Amino acid sequence: MGMTLRLTDEQNSALEILAKAQGISKNEAAARAIVEQARADVRREEIREATRQAIEEYGPLLDRLAQ
């Protein structure tokens, strides 16, 4: 499904630089950037969850060791 992407002049220039550097179209550069950001967001949330679990599991032990 297609969509129109409205960019400021600054955003368009950045997209042009990105596309040129990668040797791809602006459309492909935008699509890749979206996928890359989505993956980064998912990974960041996985790390947060792992950290929460570690704190829950090992927090009491770390507190005792710190004393």
PDB file of N, CA and C in Angstrom:
ATOM      1  N   MET A   1       0.843  -1.170   0.000  1.00  0.00           N
ATOM      2  CA  MET A   1       0.000   0.000   0.000  1.00  0.00           C
ATOM      3  C   MET A   1       0.890   1.234   0.000  1.00  0.00           C
ATOM      4  N   GLY A   2       0.612   2.166  -0.852  1.00  0.00           N
ATOM      5  CA  GLY A   2       1.410   3.375  -0.972  1.00  0.00           C
ATOM      6  C   GLY A   2       0.946   4.461  -0.021  1.00  0.00           C
ATOM      7  N   MET A   3       1.864   5.399   0.204  1.00  0.00           N
ATOM      8  CA  MET A   3       1.519   6.552   1.024  1.00  0.00           C
ATOM      9  C   MET A   3       2.401   7.714   0.615  1.00  0.00           C
ATOM     10  N   THR A   4       1.951   8.890   0.913  1.00  0.00           N
ATOM     11  CA  THR A   4       2.730  10.087   0.650  1.00  0.00           C
ATOM     12  C   THR A   4       3.429  10.485   1.940  1.00  0.00           C
ATOM     13  N   LEU A   5       4.710  10.786   1.831  1.00  0.00           N
ATOM     14  CA  LEU A   5       5.487  11.187   2.991  1.00  0.00           C
ATOM     15  C   LEU A   5       5.845  12.650   2.834  1.00  0.00           C
ATOM     16  N   ARG A   6       5.326  13.479   3.714  1.00  0.00           N
ATOM     17  CA  ARG A   6       5.614  14.914   3.655  1.00  0.00           C
ATOM     18  C   ARG A   6       6.813  15.209   4.546  1.00  0.00           C
ATOM     19  N   LEU A   7       7.836  15.807   3.961  1.00  0.00           N
ATOM     20  CA  LEU A   7       9.058  16.110   4.674  1.00  0.00           C
ATOM     21  C   LEU A   7       9.359  17.593   4.613  1.00  0.00           C
ATOM     22  N   THR A   8      10.016  18.081   5.659  1.00  0.00           N
ATOM     23  CA  THR A   8      10.517  19.443   5.604  1.00  0.00           C
ATOM     24  C   THR A   8      11.723  19.450   4.658  1.00  0.00           C
ATOM     25  N   ASP A   9      12.182  20.618   4.272  1.00  0.00           N
ATOM     26  CA  ASP A   9      13.357  20.710   3.407  1.00  0.00           C
ATOM     27  C   ASP A   9      14.564  20.048   4.073  1.00  0.00           C
ATOM     28  N   GLU A  10      14.711  20.260   5.368  1.00  0.00           N
ATOM     29  CA  GLU A  10      15.823  19.662   6.113  1.00  0.00           C
ATOM     30  C   GLU A  10      15.739  18.137   6.117  1.00  0.00           C
ATOM     31  N   GLN A  11      14.545  17.598   6.351  1.00  0.00           N
ATOM     32  CA  GLN A  11      14.358  16.152   6.348  1.00  0.00           C
ATOM     33  C   GLN A  11      14.608  15.569   4.965  1.00  0.00           C
ATOM     34  N   ASN A  12      14.137  16.267   3.936  1.00  0.00           N
ATOM     35  CA  ASN A  12      14.343  15.804   2.566  1.00  0.00           C
ATOM     36  C   ASN A  12      15.830  15.785   2.221  1.00  0.00           C
ATOM     37  N   SER A  13      16.560  16.807   2.639  1.00  0.00           N
ATOM     38  CA  SER A  13      18.009  16.854   2.396  1.00  0.00           C
ATOM     39  C   SER A  13      18.712  15.698   3.102  1.00  0.00           C
ATOM     40  N   ALA A  14      18.310  15.439   4.333  1.00  0.00           N
ATOM     41  CA  ALA A  14      18.900  14.329   5.083  1.00  0.00           C
ATOM     42  C   ALA A  14      18.607  12.994   4.399  1.00  0.00           C
ATOM     43  N   LEU A  15      17.395  12.839   3.908  1.00  0.00           N
ATOM     44  CA  LEU A  15      17.026  11.614   3.208  1.00  0.00           C
ATOM     45  C   LEU A  15      17.819  11.466   1.916  1.00  0.00           C
ATOM     46  N   GLU A  16      18.010  12.553   1.201  1.00  0.00           N
ATOM     47  CA  GLU A  16      18.811  12.517  -0.022  1.00  0.00           C
ATOM     48  C   GLU A  16      20.251  12.100   0.276  1.00  0.00           C
ATOM     49  N   ILE A  17      20.825  12.643   1.344  1.00  0.00           N
ATOM     50  CA  ILE A  17      22.191  12.292   1.745  1.00  0.00           C
ATOM     51  C   ILE A  17      22.271  10.814   2.098  1.00  0.00           C
ATOM     52  N   LEU A  18      21.307  10.341   2.861  1.00  0.00           N
ATOM     53  CA  LEU A  18      21.263   8.936   3.263  1.00  0.00           C
ATOM     54  C   LEU A  18      21.154   8.023   2.048  1.00  0.00           C
ATOM     55  N   ALA A  19      20.254   8.355   1.154  1.00  0.00           N
ATOM     56  CA  ALA A  19      20.058   7.537  -0.041  1.00  0.00           C
ATOM     57  C   ALA A  19      21.307   7.522  -0.914  1.00  0.00           C
ATOM     58  N   LYS A  20      21.905   8.677  -1.104  1.00  0.00           N
ATOM     59  CA  LYS A  20      23.104   8.766  -1.938  1.00  0.00           C
ATOM     60  C   LYS A  20      24.250   7.975  -1.316  1.00  0.00           C
ATOM     61  N   ALA A  21      24.421   8.088  -0.014  1.00  0.00           N
ATOM     62  CA  ALA A  21      25.495   7.380   0.672  1.00  0.00           C
ATOM     63  C   ALA A  21      25.343   5.863   0.552  1.00  0.00           C
ATOM     64  N   GLN A  22      24.103   5.400   0.505  1.00  0.00           N
ATOM     65  CA  GLN A  22      23.841   3.963   0.418  1.00  0.00           C
ATOM     66  C   GLN A  22      23.641   3.490  -1.015  1.00  0.00           C
ATOM     67  N   GLY A  23      23.615   4.427  -1.952  1.00  0.00           N
ATOM     68  CA  GLY A  23      23.420   4.067  -3.353  1.00  0.00           C
ATOM     69  C   GLY A  23      22.048   3.496  -3.645  1.00  0.00           C
ATOM     70  N   ILE A  24      21.037   4.038  -2.960  1.00  0.00           N
ATOM     71  CA  ILE A  24      19.669   3.551  -3.129  1.00  0.00           C
ATOM     72  C   ILE A  24      18.735   4.739  -3.334  1.00  0.00           C
ATOM     73  N   SER A  25      17.490   4.448  -3.679  1.00  0.00           N
ATOM     74  CA  SER A  25      16.503   5.508  -3.867  1.00  0.00           C
ATOM     75  C   SER A  25      16.090   6.090  -2.521  1.00  0.00           C
ATOM     76  N   LYS A  26      15.524   7.276  -2.562  1.00  0.00           N
ATOM     77  CA  LYS A  26      15.011   7.895  -1.338  1.00  0.00           C
ATOM     78  C   LYS A  26      13.906   7.035  -0.738  1.00  0.00           C
ATOM     79  N   ASN A  27      13.087   6.442  -1.580  1.00  0.00           N
ATOM     80  CA  ASN A  27      12.016   5.578  -1.101  1.00  0.00           C
ATOM     81  C   ASN A  27      12.588   4.397  -0.323  1.00  0.00           C
ATOM     82  N   GLU A  28      13.614   3.757  -0.889  1.00  0.00           N
ATOM     83  CA  GLU A  28      14.238   2.613  -0.222  1.00  0.00           C
ATOM     84  C   GLU A  28      14.932   3.047   1.064  1.00  0.00           C
ATOM     85  N   ALA A  29      15.585   4.205   1.045  1.00  0.00           N
ATOM     86  CA  ALA A  29      16.252   4.706   2.244  1.00  0.00           C
ATOM     87  C   ALA A  29      15.243   4.956   3.365  1.00  0.00           C
ATOM     88  N   ALA A  30      14.107   5.531   3.025  1.00  0.00           N
ATOM     89  CA  ALA A  30      13.072   5.782   4.029  1.00  0.00           C
ATOM     90  C   ALA A  30      12.522   4.465   4.570  1.00  0.00           C
ATOM     91  N   ALA A  31      12.257   3.521   3.690  1.00  0.00           N
ATOM     92  CA  ALA A  31      11.722   2.227   4.119  1.00  0.00           C
ATOM     93  C   ALA A  31      12.702   1.510   5.035  1.00  0.00           C
ATOM     94  N   ARG A  32      13.983   1.516   4.673  1.00  0.00           N
ATOM     95  CA  ARG A  32      14.993   0.859   5.512  1.00  0.00           C
ATOM     96  C   ARG A  32      15.115   1.546   6.868  1.00  0.00           C
ATOM     97  N   ALA A  33      15.060   2.860   6.872  1.00  0.00           N
ATOM     98  CA  ALA A  33      15.173   3.604   8.123  1.00  0.00           C
ATOM     99  C   ALA A  33      14.010   3.271   9.063  1.00  0.00           C
ATOM    100  N   ILE A  34      12.829   3.130   8.503  1.00  0.00           N
ATOM    101  CA  ILE A  34      11.655   2.786   9.314  1.00  0.00           C
ATOM    102  C   ILE A  34      11.824   1.400   9.928  1.00  0.00           C
ATOM    103  N   VAL A  35      12.239   0.437   9.123  1.00  0.00           N
ATOM    104  CA  VAL A  35      12.428  -0.933   9.621  1.00  0.00           C
ATOM    105  C   VAL A  35      13.535  -0.971  10.670  1.00  0.00           C
ATOM    106  N   GLU A  36      14.642  -0.275  10.406  1.00  0.00           N
ATOM    107  CA  GLU A  36      15.754  -0.243  11.352  1.00  0.00           C
ATOM    108  C   GLU A  36      15.332   0.358  12.687  1.00  0.00           C
ATOM    109  N   GLN A  37      14.566   1.432  12.656  1.00  0.00           N
ATOM    110  CA  GLN A  37      14.107   2.060  13.901  1.00  0.00           C
ATOM    111  C   GLN A  37      13.148   1.154  14.656  1.00  0.00           C
ATOM    112  N   ALA A  38      12.262   0.473  13.925  1.00  0.00           N
ATOM    113  CA  ALA A  38      11.331  -0.451  14.573  1.00  0.00           C
ATOM    114  C   ALA A  38      12.097  -1.571  15.273  1.00  0.00           C
ATOM    115  N   ARG A  39      13.115  -2.122  14.601  1.00  0.00           N
ATOM    116  CA  ARG A  39      13.927  -3.177  15.214  1.00  0.00           C
ATOM    117  C   ARG A  39      14.646  -2.660  16.457  1.00  0.00           C
ATOM    118  N   ALA A  40      15.186  -1.458  16.378  1.00  0.00           N
ATOM    119  CA  ALA A  40      15.895  -0.866  17.520  1.00  0.00           C
ATOM    120  C   ALA A  40      14.944  -0.677  18.700  1.00  0.00           C
ATOM    121  N   ASP A  41      13.719  -0.227  18.423  1.00  0.00           N
ATOM    122  CA  ASP A  41      12.737  -0.026  19.488  1.00  0.00           C
ATOM    123  C   ASP A  41      12.383  -1.346  20.157  1.00  0.00           C
ATOM    124  N   VAL A  42      12.202  -2.401  19.354  1.00  0.00           N
ATOM    125  CA  VAL A  42      11.875  -3.717  19.903  1.00  0.00           C
ATOM    126  C   VAL A  42      13.037  -4.222  20.743  1.00  0.00           C
ATOM    127  N   ARG A  43      14.251  -4.083  20.234  1.00  0.00           N
ATOM    128  CA  ARG A  43      15.439  -4.546  20.958  1.00  0.00           C
ATOM    129  C   ARG A  43      15.598  -3.792  22.284  1.00  0.00           C
ATOM    130  N   ARG A  44      15.375  -2.485  22.251  1.00  0.00           N
ATOM    131  CA  ARG A  44      15.475  -1.676  23.466  1.00  0.00           C
ATOM    132  C   ARG A  44      14.476  -2.168  24.515  1.00  0.00           C
ATOM    133  N   GLU A  45      13.274  -2.502  24.094  1.00  0.00           N
ATOM    134  CA  GLU A  45      12.261  -2.997  25.026  1.00  0.00           C
ATOM    135  C   GLU A  45      12.654  -4.373  25.567  1.00  0.00           C
ATOM    136  N   GLU A  46      13.255  -5.220  24.722  1.00  0.00           N
ATOM    137  CA  GLU A  46      13.726  -6.526  25.200  1.00  0.00           C
ATOM    138  C   GLU A  46      14.803  -6.351  26.268  1.00  0.00           C
ATOM    139  N   ILE A  47      15.687  -5.396  26.074  1.00  0.00           N
ATOM    140  CA  ILE A  47      16.741  -5.134  27.055  1.00  0.00           C
ATOM    141  C   ILE A  47      16.141  -4.614  28.355  1.00  0.00           C
ATOM    142  N   ARG A  48      15.172  -3.718  28.249  1.00  0.00           N
ATOM    143  CA  ARG A  48      14.503  -3.211  29.463  1.00  0.00           C
ATOM    144  C   ARG A  48      13.857  -4.347  30.246  1.00  0.00           C
ATOM    145  N   GLU A  49      13.186  -5.237  29.537  1.00  0.00           N
ATOM    146  CA  GLU A  49      12.507  -6.354  30.197  1.00  0.00           C
ATOM    147  C   GLU A  49      13.522  -7.287  30.846  1.00  0.00           C
ATOM    148  N   ALA A  50      14.605  -7.578  30.184  1.00  0.00           N
ATOM    149  CA  ALA A  50      15.645  -8.437  30.759  1.00  0.00           C
ATOM    150  C   ALA A  50      16.245  -7.782  31.999  1.00  0.00           C
ATOM    151  N   THR A  51      16.425  -6.480  31.951  1.00  0.00           N
ATOM    152  CA  THR A  51      16.961  -5.752  33.102  1.00  0.00           C
ATOM    153  C   THR A  51      15.988  -5.813  34.271  1.00  0.00           C
ATOM    154  N   ARG A  52      14.702  -5.611  33.988  1.00  0.00           N
ATOM    155  CA  ARG A  52      13.685  -5.703  35.050  1.00  0.00           C
ATOM    156  C   ARG A  52      13.702  -7.089  35.702  1.00  0.00           C
ATOM    157  N   GLN A  53      13.797  -8.109  34.871  1.00  0.00           N
ATOM    158  CA  GLN A  53      13.814  -9.477  35.400  1.00  0.00           C
ATOM    159  C   GLN A  53      15.060  -9.735  36.237  1.00  0.00           C
ATOM    160  N   ALA A  54      16.195  -9.247  35.789  1.00  0.00           N
ATOM    161  CA  ALA A  54      17.444  -9.440  36.541  1.00  0.00           C
ATOM    162  C   ALA A  54      17.386  -8.727  37.875  1.00  0.00           C
ATOM    163  N   ILE A  55      16.857  -7.521  37.879  1.00  0.00           N
ATOM    164  CA  ILE A  55      16.732  -6.764  39.135  1.00  0.00           C
ATOM    165  C   ILE A  55      15.797  -7.496  40.090  1.00  0.00           C
ATOM    166  N   GLU A  56      14.699  -7.994  39.556  1.00  0.00           N
ATOM    167  CA  GLU A  56      13.751  -8.717  40.396  1.00  0.00           C
ATOM    168  C   GLU A  56      14.388  -9.975  40.978  1.00  0.00           C
ATOM    169  N   GLU A  57      15.118 -10.698  40.143  1.00  0.00           N
ATOM    170  CA  GLU A  57      15.708 -11.959  40.577  1.00  0.00           C
ATOM    171  C   GLU A  57      16.937 -11.761  41.463  1.00  0.00           C
ATOM    172  N   TYR A  58      17.803 -10.849  41.089  1.00  0.00           N
ATOM    173  CA  TYR A  58      19.082 -10.703  41.788  1.00  0.00           C
ATOM    174  C   TYR A  58      19.165  -9.479  42.696  1.00  0.00           C
ATOM    175  N   GLY A  59      18.146  -8.652  42.702  1.00  0.00           N
ATOM    176  CA  GLY A  59      18.152  -7.440  43.514  1.00  0.00           C
ATOM    177  C   GLY A  59      18.454  -7.684  44.979  1.00  0.00           C
ATOM    178  N   PRO A  60      17.732  -8.600  45.631  1.00  0.00           N
ATOM    179  CA  PRO A  60      17.999  -8.865  47.046  1.00  0.00           C
ATOM    180  C   PRO A  60      19.442  -9.314  47.295  1.00  0.00           C
ATOM    181  N   LEU A  61      19.969 -10.154  46.437  1.00  0.00           N
ATOM    182  CA  LEU A  61      21.335 -10.621  46.587  1.00  0.00           C
ATOM    183  C   LEU A  61      22.317  -9.454  46.434  1.00  0.00           C
ATOM    184  N   LEU A  62      22.097  -8.619  45.459  1.00  0.00           N
ATOM    185  CA  LEU A  62      22.971  -7.455  45.260  1.00  0.00           C
ATOM    186  C   LEU A  62      22.891  -6.512  46.442  1.00  0.00           C
ATOM    187  N   ASP A  63      21.710  -6.340  47.017  1.00  0.00           N
ATOM    188  CA  ASP A  63      21.572  -5.496  48.204  1.00  0.00           C
ATOM    189  C   ASP A  63      22.389  -6.050  49.366  1.00  0.00           C
ATOM    190  N   ARG A  64      22.333  -7.367  49.568  1.00  0.00           N
ATOM    191  CA  ARG A  64      23.102  -7.994  50.668  1.00  0.00           C
ATOM    192  C   ARG A  64      24.606  -7.845  50.416  1.00  0.00           C
ATOM    193  N   LEU A  65      25.039  -8.021  49.188  1.00  0.00           N
ATOM    194  CA  LEU A  65      26.454  -7.903  48.863  1.00  0.00           C
ATOM    195  C   LEU A  65      26.955  -6.471  49.046  1.00  0.00           C
ATOM    196  N   ALA A  66      26.092  -5.514  48.862  1.00  0.00           N
ATOM    197  CA  ALA A  66      26.476  -4.109  48.973  1.00  0.00           C
ATOM    198  C   ALA A  66      26.665  -3.679  50.433  1.00  0.00           C
ATOM    199  N   GLN A  67      26.196  -4.480  51.357  1.00  0.00           N
ATOM    200  CA  GLN A  67      26.300  -4.107  52.782  1.00  0.00           C
ATOM    201  C   GLN A  67      27.636  -4.475  53.370  1.00  0.00           C
TER     202      GLN A  67
END
